[in-house]
N, C-alpha and C. Protein backbone atom coordinates (compact mmCIF):
# COMPACT_ATOMS: atom_id res chain seq x y z
N MET A 1 4.49 9.23 -21.95
CA MET A 1 3.59 10.04 -21.13
C MET A 1 3.50 11.45 -21.73
N ARG A 2 2.31 11.98 -21.76
CA ARG A 2 2.08 13.32 -22.29
C ARG A 2 2.57 14.37 -21.30
N LEU A 3 3.00 15.50 -21.84
CA LEU A 3 3.49 16.59 -21.00
C LEU A 3 2.42 17.04 -20.01
N SER A 4 1.18 17.11 -20.45
CA SER A 4 0.10 17.54 -19.56
C SER A 4 -0.06 16.59 -18.38
N ASP A 5 0.14 15.30 -18.61
CA ASP A 5 0.05 14.33 -17.52
C ASP A 5 1.19 14.51 -16.52
N THR A 6 2.35 14.85 -17.04
CA THR A 6 3.52 15.07 -16.19
C THR A 6 3.39 16.34 -15.36
N LEU A 7 2.95 17.41 -16.00
CA LEU A 7 2.92 18.72 -15.33
C LEU A 7 1.66 18.96 -14.51
N SER A 8 0.61 18.27 -14.79
CA SER A 8 -0.68 18.52 -14.13
C SER A 8 -0.61 18.55 -12.60
N PRO A 9 0.05 17.58 -11.95
CA PRO A 9 0.11 17.64 -10.47
C PRO A 9 0.78 18.90 -9.93
N PHE A 10 1.78 19.39 -10.65
CA PHE A 10 2.49 20.58 -10.19
C PHE A 10 1.63 21.83 -10.33
N PHE A 11 0.95 21.92 -11.44
CA PHE A 11 0.08 23.09 -11.63
C PHE A 11 -1.14 23.03 -10.73
N GLU A 12 -1.61 21.83 -10.43
CA GLU A 12 -2.71 21.70 -9.47
C GLU A 12 -2.26 22.20 -8.09
N ALA A 13 -1.05 21.81 -7.68
CA ALA A 13 -0.52 22.26 -6.39
C ALA A 13 -0.26 23.77 -6.41
N LEU A 14 0.29 24.29 -7.50
CA LEU A 14 0.55 25.73 -7.59
C LEU A 14 -0.75 26.53 -7.55
N ALA A 15 -1.76 26.08 -8.28
CA ALA A 15 -3.04 26.79 -8.28
C ALA A 15 -3.67 26.75 -6.89
N PHE A 16 -3.60 25.60 -6.24
CA PHE A 16 -4.15 25.46 -4.89
C PHE A 16 -3.40 26.38 -3.91
N ALA A 17 -2.07 26.36 -3.98
CA ALA A 17 -1.26 27.21 -3.10
C ALA A 17 -1.52 28.69 -3.37
N ALA A 18 -1.58 29.07 -4.63
CA ALA A 18 -1.84 30.47 -4.97
C ALA A 18 -3.18 30.92 -4.43
N ASP A 19 -4.19 30.07 -4.54
CA ASP A 19 -5.51 30.41 -4.03
C ASP A 19 -5.50 30.52 -2.51
N GLN A 20 -4.88 29.59 -1.84
CA GLN A 20 -4.86 29.58 -0.38
C GLN A 20 -4.04 30.73 0.20
N HIS A 21 -2.98 31.10 -0.48
CA HIS A 21 -2.09 32.16 0.00
C HIS A 21 -2.37 33.52 -0.65
N LYS A 22 -3.49 33.66 -1.34
CA LYS A 22 -3.74 34.82 -2.20
C LYS A 22 -3.67 36.18 -1.51
N PHE A 23 -3.98 36.26 -0.23
CA PHE A 23 -3.93 37.55 0.45
C PHE A 23 -2.68 37.72 1.30
N GLN A 24 -1.80 36.73 1.27
CA GLN A 24 -0.60 36.78 2.10
C GLN A 24 0.55 37.41 1.34
N ARG A 25 1.39 38.09 2.09
CA ARG A 25 2.59 38.70 1.55
C ARG A 25 3.79 38.16 2.31
N ARG A 26 4.94 38.27 1.71
CA ARG A 26 6.17 37.80 2.34
C ARG A 26 6.36 38.55 3.65
N GLY A 27 6.58 37.83 4.74
CA GLY A 27 6.71 38.44 6.06
C GLY A 27 7.70 39.58 6.08
N GLY A 28 7.23 40.75 6.43
CA GLY A 28 8.09 41.91 6.54
C GLY A 28 8.30 42.67 5.25
N TYR A 29 7.67 42.19 4.15
CA TYR A 29 7.84 42.87 2.87
C TYR A 29 6.56 42.73 2.05
N ASP A 30 5.63 43.65 2.27
CA ASP A 30 4.30 43.58 1.69
C ASP A 30 4.23 43.51 0.16
N PRO A 31 5.14 44.14 -0.58
CA PRO A 31 4.99 44.08 -2.04
C PRO A 31 5.15 42.68 -2.65
N LEU A 32 5.73 41.74 -1.92
CA LEU A 32 6.04 40.42 -2.48
C LEU A 32 4.96 39.41 -2.11
N PRO A 33 4.18 38.92 -3.09
CA PRO A 33 3.18 37.89 -2.80
C PRO A 33 3.85 36.63 -2.25
N TYR A 34 3.20 35.98 -1.30
CA TYR A 34 3.79 34.81 -0.64
C TYR A 34 4.07 33.67 -1.62
N ILE A 35 3.23 33.54 -2.63
CA ILE A 35 3.41 32.45 -3.59
C ILE A 35 4.79 32.50 -4.24
N ASN A 36 5.38 33.68 -4.34
CA ASN A 36 6.73 33.80 -4.91
C ASN A 36 7.73 32.97 -4.11
N HIS A 37 7.57 32.96 -2.79
CA HIS A 37 8.47 32.16 -1.94
C HIS A 37 8.35 30.68 -2.28
N LEU A 38 7.14 30.20 -2.40
CA LEU A 38 6.92 28.78 -2.68
C LEU A 38 7.50 28.39 -4.04
N ILE A 39 7.34 29.27 -5.01
CA ILE A 39 7.89 29.03 -6.34
C ILE A 39 9.42 29.01 -6.28
N LYS A 40 9.99 29.95 -5.56
CA LYS A 40 11.46 30.05 -5.46
C LYS A 40 12.07 28.81 -4.79
N VAL A 41 11.46 28.35 -3.71
CA VAL A 41 11.97 27.17 -3.02
C VAL A 41 11.85 25.94 -3.92
N THR A 42 10.73 25.82 -4.60
CA THR A 42 10.51 24.68 -5.49
C THR A 42 11.48 24.72 -6.67
N GLN A 43 11.70 25.90 -7.22
CA GLN A 43 12.66 26.03 -8.32
C GLN A 43 14.05 25.62 -7.87
N ALA A 44 14.45 26.00 -6.67
CA ALA A 44 15.76 25.60 -6.14
C ALA A 44 15.83 24.09 -5.99
N LEU A 45 14.77 23.50 -5.50
CA LEU A 45 14.74 22.04 -5.34
C LEU A 45 14.90 21.35 -6.69
N LEU A 46 14.24 21.89 -7.71
CA LEU A 46 14.31 21.31 -9.06
C LEU A 46 15.67 21.55 -9.73
N VAL A 47 16.09 22.81 -9.74
CA VAL A 47 17.26 23.20 -10.53
C VAL A 47 18.57 22.91 -9.78
N ILE A 48 18.65 23.36 -8.54
CA ILE A 48 19.88 23.16 -7.77
C ILE A 48 19.94 21.75 -7.21
N GLY A 49 18.85 21.31 -6.60
CA GLY A 49 18.81 20.00 -5.97
C GLY A 49 18.57 18.84 -6.91
N LYS A 50 18.24 19.15 -8.17
CA LYS A 50 18.00 18.13 -9.20
C LYS A 50 16.92 17.12 -8.79
N GLU A 51 15.94 17.60 -8.03
CA GLU A 51 14.86 16.72 -7.57
C GLU A 51 13.94 16.37 -8.74
N GLU A 52 13.57 15.09 -8.82
CA GLU A 52 12.68 14.64 -9.90
C GLU A 52 11.47 13.87 -9.38
N ASN A 53 11.36 13.72 -8.07
CA ASN A 53 10.23 12.98 -7.52
C ASN A 53 9.01 13.88 -7.43
N ARG A 54 7.93 13.46 -8.07
CA ARG A 54 6.71 14.26 -8.15
C ARG A 54 6.19 14.64 -6.77
N ASP A 55 6.09 13.69 -5.86
CA ASP A 55 5.53 13.97 -4.54
C ASP A 55 6.37 14.95 -3.74
N ILE A 56 7.67 14.88 -3.87
CA ILE A 56 8.54 15.81 -3.15
C ILE A 56 8.36 17.22 -3.70
N ILE A 57 8.26 17.33 -5.00
CA ILE A 57 8.07 18.66 -5.61
C ILE A 57 6.71 19.24 -5.21
N VAL A 58 5.67 18.42 -5.25
CA VAL A 58 4.34 18.89 -4.86
C VAL A 58 4.35 19.30 -3.38
N ALA A 59 4.99 18.50 -2.53
CA ALA A 59 5.07 18.83 -1.10
C ALA A 59 5.84 20.13 -0.89
N CYS A 60 6.84 20.37 -1.71
CA CYS A 60 7.59 21.62 -1.60
C CYS A 60 6.69 22.81 -1.89
N ILE A 61 5.89 22.71 -2.92
CA ILE A 61 4.96 23.79 -3.26
C ILE A 61 4.01 24.05 -2.10
N LEU A 62 3.65 23.00 -1.38
CA LEU A 62 2.64 23.09 -0.31
C LEU A 62 3.24 23.17 1.09
N HIS A 63 4.56 23.31 1.21
CA HIS A 63 5.21 23.10 2.50
C HIS A 63 4.77 24.04 3.62
N ASP A 64 4.27 25.22 3.31
CA ASP A 64 3.82 26.15 4.35
C ASP A 64 2.30 26.21 4.48
N MET A 65 1.62 25.37 3.76
CA MET A 65 0.16 25.42 3.66
C MET A 65 -0.54 25.34 5.02
N VAL A 66 -0.18 24.37 5.83
CA VAL A 66 -0.89 24.15 7.09
C VAL A 66 -0.57 25.25 8.10
N GLU A 67 0.66 25.74 8.08
CA GLU A 67 1.04 26.83 9.00
C GLU A 67 0.33 28.13 8.68
N ASP A 68 0.14 28.41 7.41
CA ASP A 68 -0.28 29.74 6.98
C ASP A 68 -1.72 29.86 6.49
N THR A 69 -2.45 28.76 6.44
CA THR A 69 -3.83 28.80 5.93
C THR A 69 -4.72 27.92 6.82
N ASP A 70 -5.96 27.80 6.44
CA ASP A 70 -6.89 26.93 7.16
C ASP A 70 -6.86 25.49 6.66
N VAL A 71 -6.02 25.20 5.70
CA VAL A 71 -5.91 23.85 5.15
C VAL A 71 -5.27 22.94 6.19
N THR A 72 -5.79 21.72 6.29
CA THR A 72 -5.28 20.73 7.25
C THR A 72 -4.51 19.63 6.54
N ILE A 73 -3.82 18.84 7.32
CA ILE A 73 -3.12 17.67 6.76
C ILE A 73 -4.15 16.73 6.13
N ALA A 74 -5.31 16.59 6.75
CA ALA A 74 -6.37 15.74 6.17
C ALA A 74 -6.79 16.27 4.81
N ASP A 75 -6.91 17.59 4.67
CA ASP A 75 -7.26 18.19 3.38
C ASP A 75 -6.20 17.85 2.33
N LEU A 76 -4.93 17.98 2.72
CA LEU A 76 -3.85 17.68 1.78
C LEU A 76 -3.82 16.20 1.41
N THR A 77 -4.11 15.35 2.38
CA THR A 77 -4.15 13.91 2.11
C THR A 77 -5.23 13.61 1.07
N ALA A 78 -6.40 14.19 1.26
CA ALA A 78 -7.50 13.95 0.33
C ALA A 78 -7.19 14.48 -1.07
N LYS A 79 -6.52 15.60 -1.14
CA LYS A 79 -6.29 16.26 -2.44
C LYS A 79 -5.01 15.79 -3.13
N PHE A 80 -3.96 15.51 -2.36
CA PHE A 80 -2.66 15.22 -2.96
C PHE A 80 -2.05 13.87 -2.55
N GLY A 81 -2.70 13.17 -1.65
CA GLY A 81 -2.21 11.85 -1.25
C GLY A 81 -1.45 11.87 0.06
N VAL A 82 -1.35 10.69 0.65
CA VAL A 82 -0.76 10.56 1.98
C VAL A 82 0.73 10.89 2.00
N HIS A 83 1.47 10.51 0.94
CA HIS A 83 2.91 10.77 0.93
C HIS A 83 3.21 12.27 0.94
N VAL A 84 2.53 13.02 0.09
CA VAL A 84 2.70 14.47 0.06
C VAL A 84 2.32 15.07 1.41
N ALA A 85 1.17 14.66 1.93
CA ALA A 85 0.69 15.20 3.21
C ALA A 85 1.66 14.90 4.34
N ASN A 86 2.24 13.71 4.34
CA ASN A 86 3.19 13.35 5.40
C ASN A 86 4.45 14.22 5.35
N ILE A 87 4.93 14.51 4.15
CA ILE A 87 6.10 15.37 4.03
C ILE A 87 5.77 16.77 4.55
N VAL A 88 4.62 17.30 4.15
CA VAL A 88 4.20 18.62 4.63
C VAL A 88 4.06 18.60 6.15
N ALA A 89 3.49 17.54 6.70
CA ALA A 89 3.31 17.44 8.15
C ALA A 89 4.66 17.51 8.88
N GLU A 90 5.67 16.86 8.33
CA GLU A 90 7.00 16.91 8.94
C GLU A 90 7.55 18.33 9.00
N LEU A 91 7.20 19.14 8.02
CA LEU A 91 7.74 20.49 7.90
C LEU A 91 6.88 21.55 8.58
N THR A 92 5.74 21.13 9.12
CA THR A 92 4.79 22.08 9.70
C THR A 92 5.11 22.35 11.16
N ASP A 93 5.30 23.63 11.46
CA ASP A 93 5.52 24.06 12.84
C ASP A 93 4.17 24.23 13.54
N ASP A 94 4.18 24.04 14.84
CA ASP A 94 2.99 24.29 15.66
C ASP A 94 2.92 25.79 15.91
N MET A 95 2.02 26.44 15.21
CA MET A 95 1.93 27.90 15.27
C MET A 95 1.40 28.41 16.61
N ALA A 96 0.96 27.52 17.49
CA ALA A 96 0.53 27.93 18.82
C ALA A 96 1.75 28.21 19.72
N GLN A 97 2.91 27.72 19.31
CA GLN A 97 4.15 27.93 20.07
C GLN A 97 4.73 29.31 19.73
N THR A 98 5.58 29.81 20.61
CA THR A 98 6.24 31.08 20.33
C THR A 98 7.21 30.90 19.16
N TYR A 99 7.55 32.00 18.53
CA TYR A 99 8.50 31.98 17.41
C TYR A 99 9.81 31.31 17.83
N GLU A 100 10.33 31.70 18.98
CA GLU A 100 11.61 31.16 19.46
C GLU A 100 11.51 29.66 19.70
N HIS A 101 10.40 29.22 20.29
CA HIS A 101 10.22 27.79 20.57
C HIS A 101 10.09 26.99 19.27
N ARG A 102 9.38 27.54 18.29
CA ARG A 102 9.25 26.86 17.00
C ARG A 102 10.62 26.69 16.35
N LYS A 103 11.43 27.73 16.40
CA LYS A 103 12.77 27.65 15.79
C LYS A 103 13.64 26.62 16.52
N GLN A 104 13.53 26.55 17.84
CA GLN A 104 14.31 25.55 18.58
C GLN A 104 13.83 24.14 18.25
N LEU A 105 12.53 23.96 18.10
CA LEU A 105 11.99 22.64 17.73
C LEU A 105 12.48 22.22 16.34
N GLN A 106 12.64 23.18 15.44
CA GLN A 106 13.18 22.84 14.12
C GLN A 106 14.59 22.25 14.25
N VAL A 107 15.39 22.83 15.14
CA VAL A 107 16.74 22.30 15.38
C VAL A 107 16.64 20.92 16.01
N ASP A 108 15.83 20.80 17.05
CA ASP A 108 15.71 19.53 17.78
C ASP A 108 15.20 18.39 16.91
N ARG A 109 14.33 18.68 15.97
CA ARG A 109 13.68 17.65 15.15
C ARG A 109 14.34 17.42 13.79
N ALA A 110 15.28 18.25 13.43
CA ALA A 110 15.85 18.20 12.08
C ALA A 110 16.40 16.82 11.73
N SER A 111 17.15 16.22 12.63
CA SER A 111 17.79 14.93 12.32
C SER A 111 16.77 13.80 12.17
N HIS A 112 15.53 14.03 12.57
CA HIS A 112 14.49 13.00 12.46
C HIS A 112 13.65 13.16 11.19
N LEU A 113 13.91 14.20 10.41
CA LEU A 113 13.16 14.41 9.18
C LEU A 113 13.50 13.34 8.14
N SER A 114 12.54 13.02 7.32
CA SER A 114 12.78 12.12 6.19
C SER A 114 13.67 12.84 5.18
N ILE A 115 14.25 12.10 4.27
CA ILE A 115 15.10 12.70 3.23
C ILE A 115 14.33 13.73 2.41
N PRO A 116 13.10 13.42 1.97
CA PRO A 116 12.36 14.45 1.22
C PRO A 116 12.16 15.74 2.02
N ALA A 117 11.79 15.62 3.28
CA ALA A 117 11.59 16.80 4.12
C ALA A 117 12.90 17.54 4.35
N ARG A 118 13.99 16.82 4.47
CA ARG A 118 15.30 17.46 4.65
C ARG A 118 15.66 18.31 3.43
N LYS A 119 15.43 17.78 2.24
CA LYS A 119 15.73 18.54 1.03
C LYS A 119 14.94 19.84 0.99
N ILE A 120 13.66 19.75 1.28
CA ILE A 120 12.81 20.94 1.27
C ILE A 120 13.26 21.91 2.35
N ARG A 121 13.60 21.40 3.52
CA ARG A 121 14.03 22.28 4.63
C ARG A 121 15.29 23.05 4.24
N ILE A 122 16.26 22.38 3.62
CA ILE A 122 17.48 23.07 3.23
C ILE A 122 17.18 24.15 2.19
N ALA A 123 16.39 23.81 1.19
CA ALA A 123 16.04 24.79 0.15
C ALA A 123 15.26 25.95 0.75
N ASP A 124 14.36 25.66 1.67
CA ASP A 124 13.57 26.71 2.31
C ASP A 124 14.45 27.65 3.14
N LYS A 125 15.35 27.08 3.92
CA LYS A 125 16.23 27.92 4.74
C LYS A 125 17.12 28.80 3.87
N ALA A 126 17.68 28.24 2.81
CA ALA A 126 18.54 29.02 1.92
C ALA A 126 17.73 30.14 1.26
N SER A 127 16.56 29.81 0.78
CA SER A 127 15.70 30.81 0.13
C SER A 127 15.32 31.92 1.11
N ASN A 128 14.97 31.54 2.33
CA ASN A 128 14.61 32.55 3.33
C ASN A 128 15.77 33.49 3.62
N ILE A 129 16.96 32.93 3.78
CA ILE A 129 18.13 33.77 4.06
C ILE A 129 18.37 34.72 2.89
N GLN A 130 18.28 34.20 1.69
CA GLN A 130 18.47 35.05 0.52
C GLN A 130 17.47 36.20 0.50
N ASP A 131 16.22 35.89 0.79
CA ASP A 131 15.19 36.93 0.81
C ASP A 131 15.40 37.94 1.93
N ILE A 132 15.77 37.44 3.10
CA ILE A 132 15.97 38.32 4.26
C ILE A 132 17.03 39.38 3.97
N PHE A 133 18.06 38.99 3.20
CA PHE A 133 19.15 39.91 2.95
C PHE A 133 19.12 40.53 1.55
N THR A 134 18.03 40.28 0.81
CA THR A 134 17.86 40.90 -0.50
C THR A 134 16.78 41.97 -0.47
N TYR A 135 15.66 41.65 0.17
CA TYR A 135 14.53 42.58 0.20
C TYR A 135 14.61 43.46 1.43
N PRO A 136 14.05 44.65 1.36
CA PRO A 136 14.09 45.56 2.52
C PRO A 136 13.02 45.17 3.56
N LEU A 137 13.25 44.06 4.22
CA LEU A 137 12.31 43.59 5.24
C LEU A 137 12.36 44.49 6.46
N ASP A 138 11.26 44.54 7.18
CA ASP A 138 11.24 45.34 8.40
C ASP A 138 11.69 44.49 9.60
N TRP A 139 12.78 43.76 9.42
CA TRP A 139 13.36 42.95 10.48
C TRP A 139 14.56 43.69 11.06
N SER A 140 14.74 43.56 12.38
CA SER A 140 15.91 44.15 13.01
C SER A 140 17.16 43.34 12.62
N ALA A 141 18.32 43.96 12.80
CA ALA A 141 19.58 43.27 12.53
C ALA A 141 19.71 42.02 13.38
N ASP A 142 19.26 42.09 14.65
CA ASP A 142 19.33 40.93 15.54
C ASP A 142 18.43 39.80 15.06
N LYS A 143 17.23 40.13 14.61
CA LYS A 143 16.32 39.09 14.13
C LYS A 143 16.90 38.40 12.89
N LYS A 144 17.50 39.17 12.00
CA LYS A 144 18.13 38.59 10.81
C LYS A 144 19.29 37.67 11.22
N LYS A 145 20.13 38.16 12.12
CA LYS A 145 21.28 37.37 12.58
C LYS A 145 20.81 36.09 13.25
N ASN A 146 19.79 36.18 14.10
CA ASN A 146 19.27 35.00 14.79
C ASN A 146 18.68 34.00 13.82
N TYR A 147 18.01 34.49 12.76
CA TYR A 147 17.45 33.57 11.77
C TYR A 147 18.58 32.77 11.11
N VAL A 148 19.64 33.46 10.70
CA VAL A 148 20.76 32.79 10.05
C VAL A 148 21.40 31.78 10.99
N GLU A 149 21.63 32.16 12.23
CA GLU A 149 22.25 31.25 13.20
C GLU A 149 21.38 30.01 13.41
N ASN A 150 20.07 30.20 13.51
CA ASN A 150 19.15 29.07 13.68
C ASN A 150 19.15 28.18 12.45
N ALA A 151 19.15 28.79 11.27
CA ALA A 151 19.15 28.01 10.02
C ALA A 151 20.41 27.16 9.92
N ILE A 152 21.54 27.70 10.33
CA ILE A 152 22.79 26.93 10.32
C ILE A 152 22.66 25.72 11.24
N LEU A 153 22.10 25.93 12.44
CA LEU A 153 21.92 24.82 13.38
C LEU A 153 21.01 23.73 12.79
N VAL A 154 19.96 24.14 12.10
CA VAL A 154 19.05 23.17 11.48
C VAL A 154 19.78 22.40 10.38
N VAL A 155 20.38 23.12 9.46
CA VAL A 155 21.01 22.47 8.30
C VAL A 155 22.20 21.61 8.72
N ASP A 156 22.93 22.03 9.75
CA ASP A 156 24.05 21.21 10.23
C ASP A 156 23.58 19.83 10.71
N GLN A 157 22.34 19.74 11.16
CA GLN A 157 21.78 18.45 11.62
C GLN A 157 21.47 17.50 10.46
N ILE A 158 21.33 18.06 9.24
CA ILE A 158 20.86 17.24 8.12
C ILE A 158 21.82 17.26 6.92
N ARG A 159 23.05 17.64 7.18
CA ARG A 159 24.05 17.60 6.11
C ARG A 159 24.25 16.16 5.63
N GLY A 160 24.59 16.05 4.36
CA GLY A 160 24.73 14.73 3.76
C GLY A 160 23.47 14.32 3.01
N THR A 161 22.53 15.24 2.92
CA THR A 161 21.25 14.98 2.26
C THR A 161 21.34 15.25 0.77
N ASN A 162 21.82 16.44 0.40
CA ASN A 162 21.93 16.85 -1.01
C ASN A 162 23.04 17.90 -1.08
N GLN A 163 24.18 17.51 -1.60
CA GLN A 163 25.35 18.39 -1.59
C GLN A 163 25.11 19.70 -2.31
N ALA A 164 24.42 19.66 -3.43
CA ALA A 164 24.19 20.89 -4.19
C ALA A 164 23.33 21.88 -3.39
N LEU A 165 22.28 21.38 -2.73
CA LEU A 165 21.45 22.26 -1.90
C LEU A 165 22.24 22.78 -0.71
N GLU A 166 23.07 21.93 -0.13
CA GLU A 166 23.88 22.35 1.01
C GLU A 166 24.90 23.41 0.59
N ASP A 167 25.48 23.25 -0.59
CA ASP A 167 26.41 24.26 -1.10
C ASP A 167 25.69 25.59 -1.32
N TRP A 168 24.47 25.53 -1.87
CA TRP A 168 23.69 26.75 -2.08
C TRP A 168 23.37 27.39 -0.73
N PHE A 169 23.00 26.58 0.25
CA PHE A 169 22.75 27.10 1.59
C PHE A 169 23.99 27.82 2.12
N ASP A 170 25.16 27.18 2.00
CA ASP A 170 26.40 27.79 2.48
C ASP A 170 26.70 29.11 1.76
N GLU A 171 26.42 29.16 0.46
CA GLU A 171 26.60 30.40 -0.30
C GLU A 171 25.67 31.50 0.22
N THR A 172 24.44 31.14 0.55
CA THR A 172 23.50 32.16 1.04
C THR A 172 23.91 32.64 2.43
N VAL A 173 24.47 31.76 3.23
CA VAL A 173 24.97 32.16 4.54
C VAL A 173 26.11 33.16 4.38
N LYS A 174 27.03 32.88 3.47
CA LYS A 174 28.13 33.82 3.20
C LYS A 174 27.59 35.16 2.71
N PHE A 175 26.61 35.10 1.82
CA PHE A 175 25.95 36.30 1.30
C PHE A 175 25.37 37.11 2.46
N ALA A 176 24.70 36.44 3.39
CA ALA A 176 24.11 37.12 4.54
C ALA A 176 25.18 37.69 5.46
N GLN A 177 26.21 36.91 5.73
CA GLN A 177 27.26 37.37 6.63
C GLN A 177 27.97 38.61 6.10
N GLN A 178 28.12 38.70 4.78
CA GLN A 178 28.73 39.89 4.19
C GLN A 178 27.85 41.12 4.42
N ARG A 179 26.55 40.93 4.48
CA ARG A 179 25.63 42.05 4.66
C ARG A 179 25.39 42.37 6.13
N MET A 180 25.79 41.49 7.01
CA MET A 180 25.62 41.74 8.45
C MET A 180 26.73 42.62 9.01
N HIS A 181 27.83 42.71 8.30
CA HIS A 181 28.98 43.47 8.83
C HIS A 181 29.00 44.87 8.34
């Protein structure tokens, strides 16, 4: 197989995500384009999680698409296939709900996620925690602490999915806890 055939789906997803998220910035930190988050989570899935499944990697690139843009699951199905769209659908929060309710639903639903969605969720939570405690976000100390506590509850529901990603998550929690004191 040619390299272009192998890489094409990933670059198609990256280009699509970059276009859809082009005016978005990382929540609470305007200088950081949102696409950086998607790249970071996907890189963790590839490098730390050793993921090699094309659909899981593409879904990781697109995991926030429905929450943050006008793109629908039907759009993703048409463009990237049903398997990718289904993984993204599992990870999509109902943005009509309050922030607190969405976070509680993530805890309640975590154990029902597919293995691909679990891997992405762990990488996403670890990446978010790392960003929250690395960049000067305009988040209160309580909001940061609550995010970490919620992430722990989510990941605890899906342990046994990918040890390397779980170890990275635990390292980011320790990193955050050192900065909370």
